[in-house]
Amino acid sequence: MKPLEGVTILEFSTMITASFAAMQMCEQGARVIKVEPLNAGDPLRYIGATKGGISSLFANCNRGKEAIRVDIKTEAGQALIREMVPEVDVVIHNFRPGVMDRLGLGGDALRALNPRLIYTAISGFGNTGPKSGSPAYDPIIQAQSGITATQGKEEPAFFRTLICDKITAYTACQAVTSALYLREKTGEGQHIDLSMLDAGLFFIFPDGFQNHTLLDDDVAPQPLLIDLLYELTVTKDGAVTISAGTADQQMRSLIAMGMEHLLADERFDDMQKLLTNIDVFKSLVAGEYLKHTTDEVIAKMTEADVPCARFLDRDEVLAQEQLQANGSIDVIDHPLMGSMRVVKSPPRFGGDVLEPGSPSPDHGQHTRQVLASFSVGEDRIEKMFGDGVVS
């Protein structure tokens, strides 16, 4: 039995955050019903490599779900959603603050119909304040949360991935499952508000804001540990990454490369001093690595049990033996998209890998079946199709 079996989720979303959060819960057993507008649907359907009218990006964030098309801008569409809510455990959306309230589908309205409902509203900046109504995409939140500041040294730099979208999705999953656990003890649902800005700052703060945490005047700022770990080590024929993050690992790495004399240098004889003098240290060791090939450095570090790795391109990542041993990747046949690679959900429950859910749905693929499962009569379903309420 999967952990979230028996949980039903209504998802109203565009792009990544709510879609990716709901898919993760779907992989863990929840039934997820994705509600999309009648015309184009979720814009994510059309971004990136596309086949059969579905993009790979959409497929990667929406497998296992049922998809229905409802015009929630109409009174009849809103009434249909409200009719479904008493049989739903979670509603999740990532619309701007106030949008769902104006549609009569806000937290107060829906939780009045179902006090056990977990209502989860994801926004860019939060419900109050000068930016509460501003549009937000991942690069905007990276810039505003300090993530770009921690990646660049002389100028800001982006994570070249939708990191704020995805960390917000993970945070939403954790919040929803916590609320479900609390509901088991109290019988009551929750209204959860979550902003991408807060999630991004919470994510980057522990290490990225080390020198902005302690506030007394006698605190001595120090170089960040990330400046030691996240460096390219150039070799005779390429480069490696070496993460010697403790004094013991630094000692073993220096011995492995024949630079043990630096252990007696008072500038580097403990980790704090080494971090303080990190630029000098790097310049002294760089020349030694240039004398050895990448394979030689990897062998030396592996023998010394120092974390190290060569840089892999995307094809090499997917081919590595460790992922095969973990059973992390599968290939499935999508009825519209053909053969496609999927990465399985990371958690193992009881040692079992969570197998990927059904392929991502076509736009409105399950409208009839889902409405029938909520006891909507066939005649009424036909009328709603005819009236353009659903499709």
Protein backbone atom coordinates (compact mmCIF):
# COMPACT_ATOMS: atom_id res chain seq x y z
CA MET A 1 0.00 0.00 0.00
CA LYS A 2 1.33 3.43 -0.92
CA PRO A 3 1.41 6.03 1.88
CA LEU A 4 -1.20 8.41 0.42
CA GLU A 5 -3.68 5.88 -0.94
CA GLY A 6 -7.22 7.04 -0.22
CA VAL A 7 -6.32 10.74 -0.49
CA THR A 8 -8.01 12.71 -3.30
CA ILE A 9 -6.47 15.95 -4.57
CA LEU A 10 -8.00 18.60 -6.81
CA GLU A 11 -5.23 20.52 -8.57
CA PHE A 12 -5.72 23.91 -10.22
CA SER A 13 -2.40 24.98 -11.66
CA THR A 14 -0.34 26.53 -14.37
CA MET A 15 3.33 25.74 -14.87
CA ILE A 16 5.47 23.94 -12.29
CA THR A 17 4.85 24.49 -8.56
CA ALA A 18 1.42 22.99 -7.91
CA SER A 19 1.76 20.50 -10.78
CA PHE A 20 5.05 19.06 -9.51
CA ALA A 21 3.83 19.00 -5.91
CA ALA A 22 0.64 17.15 -6.84
CA MET A 23 2.56 14.66 -8.99
CA GLN A 24 4.85 13.76 -6.12
CA MET A 25 1.84 13.04 -3.92
CA CYS A 26 0.29 11.11 -6.81
CA GLU A 27 3.40 8.92 -6.98
CA GLN A 28 2.90 8.22 -3.28
CA GLY A 29 -0.62 6.95 -3.86
CA ALA A 30 -2.95 9.96 -3.94
CA ARG A 31 -5.61 10.31 -6.60
CA VAL A 32 -4.91 13.62 -8.35
CA ILE A 33 -7.52 15.28 -10.54
CA LYS A 34 -6.02 18.10 -12.60
CA VAL A 35 -8.60 20.78 -13.43
CA GLU A 36 -7.74 22.79 -16.55
CA PRO A 37 -9.57 25.47 -18.56
CA LEU A 38 -11.39 24.50 -21.74
CA ASN A 39 -9.19 26.06 -24.39
CA ALA A 40 -5.40 25.70 -24.13
CA GLY A 41 -5.17 24.18 -20.67
CA ASP A 42 -1.99 24.36 -18.61
CA PRO A 43 0.61 26.37 -20.61
CA LEU A 44 3.18 23.81 -19.52
CA ARG A 45 1.69 21.46 -22.11
CA TYR A 46 3.38 23.43 -24.89
CA ILE A 47 6.86 24.22 -23.51
CA GLY A 48 9.81 22.13 -24.66
CA ALA A 49 10.12 18.99 -26.76
CA THR A 50 6.60 18.02 -27.85
CA LYS A 51 4.93 14.98 -29.37
CA GLY A 52 1.23 14.14 -29.59
CA GLY A 53 0.34 17.60 -28.31
CA ILE A 54 2.10 17.11 -24.96
CA SER A 55 5.50 18.50 -23.99
CA SER A 56 8.12 16.49 -22.16
CA LEU A 57 8.16 19.14 -19.42
CA PHE A 58 4.43 18.70 -18.86
CA ALA A 59 4.82 14.92 -18.90
CA ASN A 60 7.60 15.09 -16.30
CA CYS A 61 5.35 17.02 -13.90
CA ASN A 62 1.94 15.40 -14.45
CA ARG A 63 2.12 11.63 -14.73
CA GLY A 64 -0.41 9.53 -12.87
CA LYS A 65 -3.09 12.21 -12.88
CA GLU A 66 -6.61 12.37 -14.24
CA ALA A 67 -7.33 15.47 -16.31
CA ILE A 68 -10.66 17.25 -16.61
CA ARG A 69 -11.65 20.45 -18.41
CA VAL A 70 -13.96 22.78 -16.49
CA ASP A 71 -14.70 26.44 -17.16
CA ILE A 72 -14.41 27.69 -13.60
CA LYS A 73 -15.14 31.23 -14.78
CA THR A 74 -18.78 30.23 -15.20
CA GLU A 75 -21.24 29.88 -12.35
CA ALA A 76 -22.03 26.33 -13.46
CA GLY A 77 -18.35 25.38 -13.46
CA GLN A 78 -17.84 26.86 -10.02
CA ALA A 79 -20.92 25.05 -8.74
CA LEU A 80 -19.56 21.77 -10.10
CA ILE A 81 -16.28 22.21 -8.23
CA ARG A 82 -18.10 23.07 -5.01
CA GLU A 83 -20.18 19.94 -5.49
CA MET A 84 -17.03 17.82 -5.73
CA VAL A 85 -15.24 19.35 -2.74
CA PRO A 86 -17.00 17.38 0.05
CA GLU A 87 -15.42 14.22 -1.39
CA VAL A 88 -11.95 15.76 -1.73
CA ASP A 89 -9.10 15.80 0.80
CA VAL A 90 -6.78 18.43 -0.70
CA VAL A 91 -7.17 21.42 -3.01
CA ILE A 92 -3.93 22.90 -4.34
CA HIS A 93 -3.45 25.87 -6.68
CA ASN A 94 -0.81 28.41 -7.66
CA PHE A 95 -2.95 31.31 -8.82
CA ARG A 96 -2.26 34.87 -7.69
CA PRO A 97 -3.79 35.91 -4.35
CA GLY A 98 -7.49 36.68 -4.63
CA VAL A 99 -8.16 34.83 -7.89
CA MET A 100 -9.81 31.78 -6.32
CA ASP A 101 -11.76 33.97 -3.89
CA ARG A 102 -13.22 35.95 -6.78
CA LEU A 103 -14.34 32.67 -8.35
CA GLY A 104 -16.04 31.59 -5.14
CA LEU A 105 -13.44 28.83 -4.73
CA GLY A 106 -11.26 30.33 -1.99
CA GLY A 107 -10.22 28.58 1.17
CA ASP A 108 -13.03 29.90 3.37
CA ALA A 109 -15.73 29.04 0.83
CA LEU A 110 -14.52 25.49 0.18
CA ARG A 111 -13.63 24.66 3.78
CA ALA A 112 -17.14 25.73 4.78
CA LEU A 113 -18.34 22.89 2.54
CA ASN A 114 -15.71 20.45 3.85
CA PRO A 115 -14.07 21.32 7.20
CA ARG A 116 -11.63 18.41 6.71
CA LEU A 117 -10.26 19.94 3.51
CA ILE A 118 -6.55 20.82 3.24
CA TYR A 119 -6.60 23.98 1.12
CA THR A 120 -3.14 24.87 -0.21
CA ALA A 121 -2.56 28.20 -1.95
CA ILE A 122 0.84 28.79 -3.56
CA SER A 123 1.78 32.32 -4.62
CA GLY A 124 4.88 34.14 -5.77
CA PHE A 125 5.28 36.63 -2.93
CA GLY A 126 2.52 36.00 -0.37
CA ASN A 127 -0.91 37.46 0.32
CA THR A 128 0.10 40.86 1.69
CA GLY A 129 2.77 43.46 1.03
CA PRO A 130 3.78 45.53 -1.98
CA LYS A 131 4.43 42.56 -4.30
CA SER A 132 1.55 40.31 -3.29
CA GLY A 133 -0.17 40.71 -6.66
CA SER A 134 2.96 40.66 -8.81
CA PRO A 135 3.61 37.90 -11.35
CA ALA A 136 6.38 35.50 -10.40
CA TYR A 137 8.47 33.04 -12.34
CA ASP A 138 11.47 31.11 -11.13
CA PRO A 139 14.17 33.59 -12.25
CA ILE A 140 12.31 36.42 -10.52
CA ILE A 141 12.24 34.53 -7.23
CA GLN A 142 15.88 33.47 -7.59
CA ALA A 143 16.79 37.15 -7.91
CA GLN A 144 14.61 38.25 -4.99
CA SER A 145 15.39 35.45 -2.52
CA GLY A 146 19.18 35.79 -2.59
CA ILE A 147 19.83 32.67 -4.60
CA THR A 148 21.52 34.61 -7.43
CA ALA A 149 23.61 36.47 -4.85
CA THR A 150 24.98 33.22 -3.41
CA GLN A 151 25.82 31.74 -6.83
CA GLY A 152 27.79 34.65 -8.20
CA LYS A 153 30.97 36.11 -6.73
CA GLU A 154 31.56 39.26 -8.74
CA GLU A 155 28.06 39.43 -10.22
CA PRO A 156 24.76 37.58 -9.65
CA ALA A 157 24.33 34.18 -11.28
CA PHE A 158 21.33 31.92 -11.76
CA PHE A 159 20.83 28.29 -11.00
CA ARG A 160 20.07 27.16 -14.55
CA THR A 161 17.12 25.09 -13.42
CA LEU A 162 13.68 25.92 -12.06
CA ILE A 163 14.96 25.54 -8.53
CA CYS A 164 12.51 27.88 -6.77
CA ASP A 165 9.55 26.30 -8.55
CA LYS A 166 10.69 22.85 -7.50
CA ILE A 167 11.72 23.64 -3.92
CA THR A 168 8.32 25.31 -3.46
CA ALA A 169 6.71 22.12 -4.75
CA TYR A 170 8.66 20.00 -2.27
CA THR A 171 7.73 22.42 0.53
CA ALA A 172 4.07 22.19 -0.46
CA CYS A 173 4.21 18.39 -0.32
CA GLN A 174 5.70 18.45 3.15
CA ALA A 175 3.12 20.97 4.36
CA VAL A 176 0.18 19.02 2.91
CA THR A 177 1.28 15.71 4.40
CA SER A 178 1.85 17.40 7.78
CA ALA A 179 -1.66 18.82 7.60
CA LEU A 180 -3.06 15.40 6.72
CA TYR A 181 -1.28 13.95 9.74
CA LEU A 182 -2.71 16.69 11.98
CA ARG A 183 -6.16 16.01 10.56
CA GLU A 184 -5.87 12.40 11.67
CA LYS A 185 -5.45 13.65 15.24
CA THR A 186 -7.94 16.53 15.25
CA GLY A 187 -10.41 15.76 12.46
CA GLU A 188 -9.96 19.28 11.09
CA GLY A 189 -8.47 20.49 7.85
CA GLN A 190 -6.13 23.42 7.26
CA HIS A 191 -5.65 26.47 5.09
CA ILE A 192 -2.01 26.55 3.95
CA ASP A 193 -0.46 29.62 2.35
CA LEU A 194 2.98 29.23 0.79
CA SER A 195 5.00 31.75 -1.21
CA MET A 196 7.85 30.96 -3.58
CA LEU A 197 9.82 33.84 -2.04
CA ASP A 198 9.62 32.36 1.45
CA ALA A 199 10.42 28.86 0.20
CA GLY A 200 13.43 30.11 -1.76
CA LEU A 201 14.87 32.09 1.15
CA PHE A 202 14.28 29.25 3.62
CA PHE A 203 16.10 26.91 1.22
CA ILE A 204 19.18 29.07 0.63
CA PHE A 205 19.51 30.64 4.09
CA PRO A 206 21.34 28.00 6.22
CA ASP A 207 24.58 28.05 4.20
CA GLY A 208 24.09 30.98 1.85
CA PHE A 209 23.44 33.50 4.63
CA GLN A 210 25.96 32.28 7.22
CA ASN A 211 27.38 35.76 7.59
CA HIS A 212 23.93 37.33 7.90
CA THR A 213 22.70 35.18 10.78
CA LEU A 214 24.60 36.31 13.90
CA LEU A 215 23.82 39.94 14.71
CA ASP A 216 26.04 40.97 17.64
CA ASP A 217 28.90 43.42 16.97
CA ASP A 218 31.64 41.00 18.07
CA VAL A 219 30.80 38.36 15.43
CA ALA A 220 33.65 37.74 12.98
CA PRO A 221 32.41 37.05 9.43
CA GLN A 222 34.18 34.18 7.70
CA PRO A 223 34.42 32.85 4.14
CA LEU A 224 31.59 30.50 3.32
CA LEU A 225 32.06 26.74 3.30
CA ILE A 226 30.48 26.69 -0.16
CA ASP A 227 33.50 28.65 -1.43
CA LEU A 228 35.67 25.67 -0.50
CA LEU A 229 33.40 22.89 -1.75
CA TYR A 230 32.04 24.26 -5.03
CA GLU A 231 35.20 24.69 -7.02
CA LEU A 232 36.51 23.34 -10.29
CA THR A 233 39.84 21.55 -9.84
CA VAL A 234 41.69 21.66 -13.15
CA THR A 235 43.80 18.64 -14.08
CA LYS A 236 46.28 17.91 -16.89
CA ASP A 237 43.50 16.76 -19.22
CA GLY A 238 40.27 18.17 -17.77
CA ALA A 239 38.77 18.88 -14.38
CA VAL A 240 37.26 17.22 -11.31
CA THR A 241 35.34 18.35 -8.26
CA ILE A 242 36.76 17.51 -4.84
CA SER A 243 34.61 18.10 -1.76
CA ALA A 244 36.99 17.90 1.17
CA GLY A 245 34.65 19.57 3.62
CA THR A 246 36.27 18.51 6.90
CA ALA A 247 39.75 18.97 8.33
CA ASP A 248 40.33 15.21 8.14
CA GLN A 249 39.33 15.08 4.46
CA GLN A 250 41.57 18.04 3.67
CA MET A 251 44.47 16.29 5.40
CA ARG A 252 43.92 13.09 3.42
CA SER A 253 43.59 14.99 0.13
CA LEU A 254 46.88 16.83 0.69
CA ILE A 255 48.68 13.62 1.62
CA ALA A 256 47.26 11.88 -1.45
CA MET A 257 48.65 14.61 -3.71
CA GLY A 258 52.04 14.77 -1.96
CA MET A 259 51.36 18.19 -0.42
CA GLU A 260 51.43 17.16 3.23
CA HIS A 261 53.90 19.97 3.98
CA LEU A 262 50.92 22.35 3.87
CA LEU A 263 49.52 20.61 6.96
CA ALA A 264 52.24 22.26 9.02
CA ASP A 265 51.62 25.71 7.54
CA GLU A 266 50.04 27.82 10.27
CA ARG A 267 47.78 29.45 7.67
CA PHE A 268 46.03 26.13 6.99
CA ASP A 269 46.46 23.97 10.10
CA ASP A 270 42.77 24.03 10.98
CA MET A 271 39.63 24.36 8.90
CA GLN A 272 38.80 27.89 10.09
CA LYS A 273 42.26 29.17 9.15
CA LEU A 274 42.07 27.39 5.82
CA LEU A 275 38.75 29.08 5.02
CA THR A 276 40.17 32.45 6.03
CA ASN A 277 43.13 31.94 3.68
CA ILE A 278 41.25 30.00 1.02
CA ASP A 279 42.48 32.00 -1.99
CA VAL A 280 46.15 31.52 -1.03
CA PHE A 281 45.53 27.81 -0.38
CA LYS A 282 43.90 27.32 -3.77
CA SER A 283 46.77 28.98 -5.60
CA LEU A 284 49.31 26.74 -3.84
CA VAL A 285 47.56 23.45 -4.60
CA ALA A 286 46.41 24.26 -8.13
CA GLY A 287 49.80 23.60 -9.72
CA GLU A 288 50.04 20.09 -8.27
CA TYR A 289 46.73 19.01 -9.75
CA LEU A 290 47.86 20.22 -13.18
CA LYS A 291 50.62 17.59 -13.10
CA HIS A 292 48.08 14.71 -13.01
CA THR A 293 45.34 13.45 -15.29
CA THR A 294 41.71 13.35 -14.24
CA ASP A 295 41.84 9.56 -13.85
CA GLU A 296 44.95 9.81 -11.67
CA VAL A 297 43.37 12.41 -9.38
CA ILE A 298 40.15 10.40 -9.07
CA ALA A 299 42.16 7.28 -8.19
CA LYS A 300 44.20 9.11 -5.54
CA MET A 301 41.14 10.69 -3.93
CA THR A 302 39.13 7.48 -4.02
CA GLU A 303 41.96 5.59 -2.30
CA ALA A 304 42.13 8.32 0.35
CA ASP A 305 38.31 8.21 0.79
CA VAL A 306 37.94 11.87 -0.16
CA PRO A 307 34.65 12.76 -1.94
CA CYS A 308 35.40 13.46 -5.59
CA ALA A 309 33.79 13.16 -8.99
CA ARG A 310 34.36 13.80 -12.66
CA PHE A 311 31.88 16.04 -14.46
CA LEU A 312 29.28 14.13 -16.43
CA ASP A 313 27.26 15.34 -19.38
CA ARG A 314 23.56 14.49 -19.56
CA ASP A 315 24.07 11.25 -21.50
CA GLU A 316 26.73 10.10 -19.02
CA VAL A 317 24.44 10.93 -16.09
CA LEU A 318 21.71 8.69 -17.44
CA ALA A 319 24.14 5.85 -18.23
CA GLN A 320 25.93 5.68 -14.88
CA GLU A 321 25.89 2.31 -13.14
CA GLN A 322 24.81 3.72 -9.77
CA LEU A 323 21.45 4.89 -11.14
CA GLN A 324 20.97 1.47 -12.72
CA ALA A 325 21.73 -0.17 -9.38
CA ASN A 326 19.24 2.14 -7.68
CA GLY A 327 16.56 1.36 -10.25
CA SER A 328 16.05 5.10 -10.65
CA ILE A 329 15.16 5.30 -14.34
CA ASP A 330 12.54 3.54 -16.41
CA VAL A 331 11.26 3.69 -19.98
CA ILE A 332 7.52 3.70 -20.58
CA ASP A 333 5.25 3.85 -23.63
CA HIS A 334 2.98 6.88 -23.73
CA PRO A 335 -0.11 6.45 -25.94
CA LEU A 336 0.45 9.89 -27.50
CA MET A 337 4.13 10.62 -26.93
CA GLY A 338 5.64 7.22 -27.69
CA SER A 339 8.64 5.83 -25.84
CA MET A 340 9.83 8.08 -23.03
CA ARG A 341 12.29 8.01 -20.17
CA VAL A 342 11.04 8.67 -16.63
CA VAL A 343 12.84 9.15 -13.35
CA LYS A 344 11.17 7.36 -10.47
CA SER A 345 10.14 9.03 -7.23
CA PRO A 346 13.18 9.10 -4.90
CA PRO A 347 11.74 7.85 -1.55
CA ARG A 348 11.76 4.12 -0.90
CA PHE A 349 9.03 3.00 1.50
CA GLY A 350 9.88 -0.30 3.13
CA GLY A 351 12.65 -0.71 0.58
CA ASP A 352 10.20 -0.64 -2.33
CA VAL A 353 10.64 1.68 -5.30
CA LEU A 354 7.51 3.66 -6.13
CA GLU A 355 6.74 2.75 -9.71
CA PRO A 356 5.78 5.63 -12.03
CA GLY A 357 2.08 6.35 -12.36
CA SER A 358 0.14 6.21 -15.59
CA PRO A 359 1.41 8.45 -18.41
CA SER A 360 0.57 12.15 -18.22
CA PRO A 361 -3.00 12.80 -19.39
CA ASP A 362 -4.23 14.45 -22.54
CA HIS A 363 -6.16 17.69 -22.09
CA GLY A 364 -9.56 16.76 -20.63
CA GLN A 365 -8.93 13.05 -21.10
CA HIS A 366 -10.88 11.95 -18.01
CA THR A 367 -13.67 14.51 -17.74
CA ARG A 368 -16.53 12.04 -18.18
CA GLN A 369 -15.05 9.31 -15.98
CA VAL A 370 -14.15 11.68 -13.14
CA LEU A 371 -17.55 13.36 -13.05
CA ALA A 372 -19.26 9.98 -13.07
CA SER A 373 -17.08 8.92 -10.12
CA PHE A 374 -18.43 11.94 -8.21
CA SER A 375 -22.00 10.72 -8.86
CA VAL A 376 -22.78 13.26 -11.56
CA GLY A 377 -25.51 11.75 -13.74
CA GLU A 378 -24.97 11.00 -17.42
CA ASP A 379 -27.76 13.36 -18.56
CA ARG A 380 -26.27 16.20 -16.57
CA ILE A 381 -22.76 15.46 -17.88
CA GLU A 382 -24.11 15.62 -21.44
CA LYS A 383 -25.84 18.92 -20.72
CA MET A 384 -22.64 20.43 -19.28
CA PHE A 385 -20.74 19.32 -22.38
CA GLY A 386 -23.42 20.90 -24.54
CA ASP A 387 -23.40 24.12 -22.52
CA GLY A 388 -19.59 24.43 -22.67
CA VAL A 389 -19.19 24.09 -18.91
CA VAL A 390 -16.89 21.08 -19.34
CA SER A 391 -15.22 19.39 -22.28
